[in-house]
Amino acid sequence: MVFRSTLTLAAVALILSGCDMFTPSADRPASALDFPEPDRPVSEVVSNEFSTENARDERGEAVAVMDLANITPGMTVADIGAGEGYYTVRLAERVGSDGRVLAQDISRDALQRLGQRVERERLENISIKLGEEDNPQLPVDSFDRIFLVHMYHEVTEPYAFLWRMWPALAEGGQIIVVDVDRPTNQHGIAPSLLFCEFNAVGYNLVEFVERPDLKSYFARFERAETRPQPGAITACSNAK
């Protein structure tokens, strides 16, 4: 198994020290140039503050999403765009001591705070990793579920990002997207555009559920038999 037990703060600092924090730029990263540029604006990254957690729990958000995603003890799950760990800690409790959760983000500050939380709450089934704007940096054949909760609209290089995520799913693994039906520069993404971008890179939509009670929708994807080469991917149009 690719995971270790809980990272200490020193280990978190060591991992993060060798990586550059993502800084928004008009220039695309060289590692994304083989992929098409998305035909849509991108929302600015916003932090996931602890002050929102009680409100989210009051409407049962995490429990509802984990139930929809069929999260059970012993699973291996990645929380991409983990922020300060709202889903990370709840997933860790759900999968139990025999499961594993990898929390990933592109912000070293957020991960530093999450590392402190993991240590403080003694969550021994969580690992932490810094990702890149066009690469989630996930190990191959490792995850039963990969969560993208209210963050996909912030991904600046969706085609490279999704293409490099594809090999990380274990057999039967699924990607779970929770987002809002509104323009991508307003912290959401239209379901039709979401479906198109995932399909373009080699995923199949398995389930789509609107959840007005959560002010969100839930989408579940599995990888197709094959994924196209980067140069064969066609960008989806954002035109209405």
Protein backbone atom coordinates (compact mmCIF):
# COMPACT_ATOMS: atom_id res chain seq x y z
CA MET A 1 0.00 0.00 0.00
CA VAL A 2 1.30 3.43 -0.90
CA PHE A 3 0.23 5.20 2.30
CA ARG A 4 1.98 5.66 5.60
CA SER A 5 0.38 6.47 8.92
CA THR A 6 -0.24 10.04 10.08
CA LEU A 7 2.49 12.51 9.13
CA THR A 8 4.08 14.42 11.96
CA LEU A 9 4.41 18.18 11.59
CA ALA A 10 8.10 17.75 10.87
CA ALA A 11 7.33 15.30 8.09
CA VAL A 12 4.73 17.63 6.62
CA ALA A 13 7.25 20.47 6.65
CA LEU A 14 9.82 18.27 4.94
CA ILE A 15 7.43 17.30 2.17
CA LEU A 16 6.33 20.86 1.57
CA SER A 17 9.80 22.39 1.69
CA GLY A 18 10.76 20.90 -1.65
CA CYS A 19 7.68 22.09 -3.50
CA ASP A 20 6.66 25.46 -4.85
CA MET A 21 3.24 26.79 -3.88
CA PHE A 22 0.98 27.46 -6.82
CA THR A 23 0.80 31.13 -7.76
CA PRO A 24 -1.83 32.08 -10.36
CA SER A 25 -0.18 33.27 -13.56
CA ALA A 26 -1.16 34.25 -17.05
CA ASP A 27 1.41 31.74 -18.32
CA ARG A 28 0.48 28.08 -18.54
CA PRO A 29 2.84 25.57 -16.91
CA ALA A 30 5.15 23.83 -19.38
CA SER A 31 3.85 20.47 -18.21
CA ALA A 32 0.34 21.38 -19.44
CA LEU A 33 1.20 22.62 -22.92
CA ASP A 34 0.46 19.28 -24.60
CA PHE A 35 -3.15 19.59 -23.43
CA PRO A 36 -5.84 21.92 -24.75
CA GLU A 37 -6.48 25.16 -22.90
CA PRO A 38 -9.93 25.22 -21.30
CA ASP A 39 -12.57 27.40 -22.94
CA ARG A 40 -13.84 28.82 -19.68
CA PRO A 41 -12.87 31.22 -16.92
CA VAL A 42 -11.65 29.89 -13.60
CA SER A 43 -12.73 30.87 -10.11
CA GLU A 44 -10.16 32.21 -7.71
CA VAL A 45 -9.13 29.75 -5.03
CA VAL A 46 -10.93 30.38 -1.76
CA SER A 47 -10.07 28.96 1.64
CA ASN A 48 -12.23 26.49 3.51
CA GLU A 49 -12.42 28.01 6.97
CA PHE A 50 -13.27 26.04 10.10
CA SER A 51 -16.09 28.51 10.86
CA THR A 52 -18.16 26.97 8.07
CA GLU A 53 -17.99 23.43 9.41
CA ASN A 54 -20.86 23.66 11.90
CA ALA A 55 -23.15 25.13 9.25
CA ARG A 56 -22.20 22.39 6.79
CA ASP A 57 -22.80 19.71 9.41
CA GLU A 58 -26.16 21.22 10.35
CA ARG A 59 -27.41 20.52 6.84
CA GLY A 60 -25.77 17.09 6.87
CA GLU A 61 -23.50 17.77 3.92
CA ALA A 62 -20.60 15.40 4.53
CA VAL A 63 -22.78 12.52 5.69
CA ALA A 64 -25.08 12.88 2.68
CA VAL A 65 -22.18 13.02 0.21
CA MET A 66 -20.36 10.08 1.80
CA ASP A 67 -23.58 8.06 1.74
CA LEU A 68 -24.13 8.88 -1.94
CA ALA A 69 -20.51 7.91 -2.66
CA ASN A 70 -20.94 4.59 -0.79
CA ILE A 71 -17.97 5.20 1.49
CA THR A 72 -17.43 2.17 3.73
CA PRO A 73 -14.79 1.05 6.26
CA GLY A 74 -11.48 -0.05 4.76
CA MET A 75 -11.66 2.12 1.64
CA THR A 76 -8.76 4.20 0.33
CA VAL A 77 -9.90 7.73 -0.51
CA ALA A 78 -8.27 10.91 -1.81
CA ASP A 79 -9.61 14.34 -0.84
CA ILE A 80 -8.39 16.74 -3.54
CA GLY A 81 -8.47 20.41 -2.64
CA ALA A 82 -8.69 19.33 0.98
CA GLY A 83 -8.15 22.81 2.37
CA GLU A 84 -8.25 22.67 6.16
CA GLY A 85 -9.84 19.25 6.20
CA TYR A 86 -13.62 19.40 6.44
CA TYR A 87 -14.05 16.26 4.33
CA THR A 88 -10.66 14.77 5.19
CA VAL A 89 -11.39 14.23 8.88
CA ARG A 90 -14.91 12.97 8.24
CA LEU A 91 -13.72 10.56 5.57
CA ALA A 92 -11.03 9.32 7.96
CA GLU A 93 -13.68 8.51 10.55
CA ARG A 94 -15.89 6.77 7.96
CA VAL A 95 -13.17 4.53 6.46
CA GLY A 96 -11.85 3.63 9.89
CA SER A 97 -8.52 2.28 11.02
CA ASP A 98 -8.32 -0.17 8.12
CA GLY A 99 -8.89 2.60 5.56
CA ARG A 100 -6.70 5.43 4.36
CA VAL A 101 -7.30 9.04 3.35
CA LEU A 102 -4.86 11.12 1.31
CA ALA A 103 -5.45 14.86 1.70
CA GLN A 104 -4.09 16.90 -1.21
CA ASP A 105 -4.04 20.61 -1.92
CA ILE A 106 -1.94 23.12 -3.87
CA SER A 107 -1.62 25.44 -0.86
CA ARG A 108 1.22 24.66 1.50
CA ASP A 109 -0.33 26.97 4.12
CA ALA A 110 -3.60 25.05 4.10
CA LEU A 111 -1.77 21.74 4.35
CA GLN A 112 0.37 23.01 7.19
CA ARG A 113 -2.77 23.86 9.14
CA LEU A 114 -4.32 20.53 8.20
CA GLY A 115 -1.18 18.76 9.41
CA GLN A 116 -1.57 20.47 12.76
CA ARG A 117 -5.18 19.36 12.92
CA VAL A 118 -4.31 15.78 12.02
CA GLU A 119 -1.69 15.66 14.75
CA ARG A 120 -3.91 17.38 17.32
CA GLU A 121 -6.83 15.00 16.67
CA ARG A 122 -4.52 11.95 16.42
CA LEU A 123 -5.90 10.86 13.05
CA GLU A 124 -3.54 8.05 12.18
CA ASN A 125 -5.10 7.04 8.85
CA ILE A 126 -4.49 10.37 7.06
CA SER A 127 -1.54 11.26 4.83
CA ILE A 128 -0.88 14.70 3.32
CA LYS A 129 0.51 15.63 -0.08
CA LEU A 130 1.09 18.85 -2.00
CA GLY A 131 -0.29 18.78 -5.54
CA GLU A 132 0.23 20.91 -8.63
CA GLU A 133 -2.22 22.94 -10.69
CA ASP A 134 -2.10 20.45 -13.57
CA ASN A 135 -1.23 17.28 -11.67
CA PRO A 136 -2.79 15.90 -8.48
CA GLN A 137 0.37 13.83 -7.89
CA LEU A 138 -1.51 10.67 -6.94
CA PRO A 139 -0.03 7.15 -6.85
CA VAL A 140 -1.19 4.71 -9.51
CA ASP A 141 -3.96 2.13 -8.91
CA SER A 142 -4.57 3.33 -5.37
CA PHE A 143 -8.00 4.86 -4.75
CA ASP A 144 -11.50 3.53 -4.36
CA ARG A 145 -12.83 7.09 -4.39
CA ILE A 146 -11.35 10.47 -5.30
CA PHE A 147 -13.30 13.46 -3.96
CA LEU A 148 -13.43 16.81 -5.77
CA VAL A 149 -15.75 18.84 -3.57
CA HIS A 150 -16.46 22.47 -4.48
CA MET A 151 -13.03 22.77 -6.08
CA TYR A 152 -13.13 21.53 -9.68
CA HIS A 153 -14.15 24.97 -10.97
CA GLU A 154 -10.85 26.28 -9.52
CA VAL A 155 -8.69 23.90 -11.58
CA THR A 156 -6.83 25.99 -14.14
CA GLU A 157 -5.73 23.04 -16.30
CA PRO A 158 -8.66 20.60 -16.15
CA TYR A 159 -7.61 18.40 -19.08
CA ALA A 160 -4.07 17.79 -17.82
CA PHE A 161 -5.35 17.46 -14.26
CA LEU A 162 -8.02 14.87 -15.07
CA TRP A 163 -5.76 12.98 -17.49
CA ARG A 164 -3.08 12.58 -14.82
CA MET A 165 -5.68 11.57 -12.24
CA TRP A 166 -7.01 8.74 -14.43
CA PRO A 167 -4.35 6.12 -13.51
CA ALA A 168 -4.79 6.72 -9.76
CA LEU A 169 -8.14 4.94 -9.58
CA ALA A 170 -8.10 1.36 -8.36
CA GLU A 171 -10.22 -1.24 -10.15
CA GLY A 172 -13.82 -0.13 -9.77
CA GLY A 173 -12.72 3.23 -8.36
CA GLN A 174 -14.78 6.37 -8.88
CA ILE A 175 -14.35 10.13 -8.89
CA ILE A 176 -16.91 12.06 -6.86
CA VAL A 177 -17.65 15.67 -7.82
CA VAL A 178 -19.77 17.98 -5.71
CA ASP A 179 -20.35 21.42 -7.22
CA VAL A 180 -22.93 24.08 -8.04
CA ASP A 181 -24.70 24.79 -11.34
CA ARG A 182 -23.46 28.29 -12.10
CA PRO A 183 -20.68 29.87 -14.19
CA THR A 184 -17.13 28.75 -13.50
CA ASN A 185 -16.02 32.25 -12.54
CA GLN A 186 -18.74 32.28 -9.89
CA HIS A 187 -17.54 29.17 -8.03
CA GLY A 188 -19.53 26.57 -9.89
CA ILE A 189 -19.72 24.69 -13.17
CA ALA A 190 -22.65 23.76 -15.39
CA PRO A 191 -23.26 19.99 -15.33
CA SER A 192 -23.14 19.79 -19.14
CA LEU A 193 -19.66 21.35 -19.17
CA LEU A 194 -18.51 19.10 -16.34
CA PHE A 195 -19.73 16.00 -18.21
CA CYS A 196 -18.03 17.14 -21.41
CA GLU A 197 -14.64 17.79 -19.80
CA PHE A 198 -14.60 14.44 -18.00
CA ASN A 199 -15.72 12.57 -21.12
CA ALA A 200 -13.06 14.30 -23.24
CA VAL A 201 -10.31 12.87 -21.04
CA GLY A 202 -11.61 9.32 -20.70
CA TYR A 203 -14.26 9.10 -17.99
CA ASN A 204 -17.85 7.90 -18.05
CA LEU A 205 -20.64 9.49 -16.05
CA VAL A 206 -22.21 6.93 -13.72
CA GLU A 207 -24.64 9.01 -11.69
CA PHE A 208 -25.88 12.58 -11.37
CA VAL A 209 -28.05 13.74 -8.49
CA GLU A 210 -29.33 17.24 -7.78
CA ARG A 211 -29.36 18.04 -4.07
CA PRO A 212 -31.14 21.37 -3.42
CA ASP A 213 -30.95 20.66 0.31
CA LEU A 214 -27.15 20.80 0.03
CA LYS A 215 -27.22 23.67 -2.47
CA SER A 216 -25.14 21.43 -4.74
CA TYR A 217 -25.20 18.56 -7.18
CA PHE A 218 -23.45 15.20 -6.92
CA ALA A 219 -21.77 13.51 -9.88
CA ARG A 220 -20.00 10.16 -10.01
CA PHE A 221 -17.54 9.13 -12.73
CA GLU A 222 -15.60 6.00 -13.60
CA ARG A 223 -12.69 5.79 -15.97
CA ALA A 224 -13.37 4.45 -19.44
CA GLU A 225 -11.43 1.55 -20.96
CA THR A 226 -8.86 3.93 -22.42
CA ARG A 227 -7.90 7.60 -22.24
CA PRO A 228 -6.93 9.65 -25.29
CA GLN A 229 -3.45 10.97 -25.85
CA PRO A 230 -3.11 14.63 -24.79
CA GLY A 231 -2.94 15.89 -28.38
CA ALA A 232 -6.19 14.09 -29.26
CA ILE A 233 -8.24 15.81 -26.56
CA THR A 234 -10.70 18.43 -27.79
CA ALA A 235 -11.58 21.27 -25.44
CA CYS A 236 -15.26 21.63 -24.60
CA SER A 237 -17.04 24.80 -25.54
CA ASN A 238 -18.32 26.99 -22.73
CA ALA A 239 -20.86 28.61 -25.05
CA LYS A 240 -24.47 28.43 -23.84
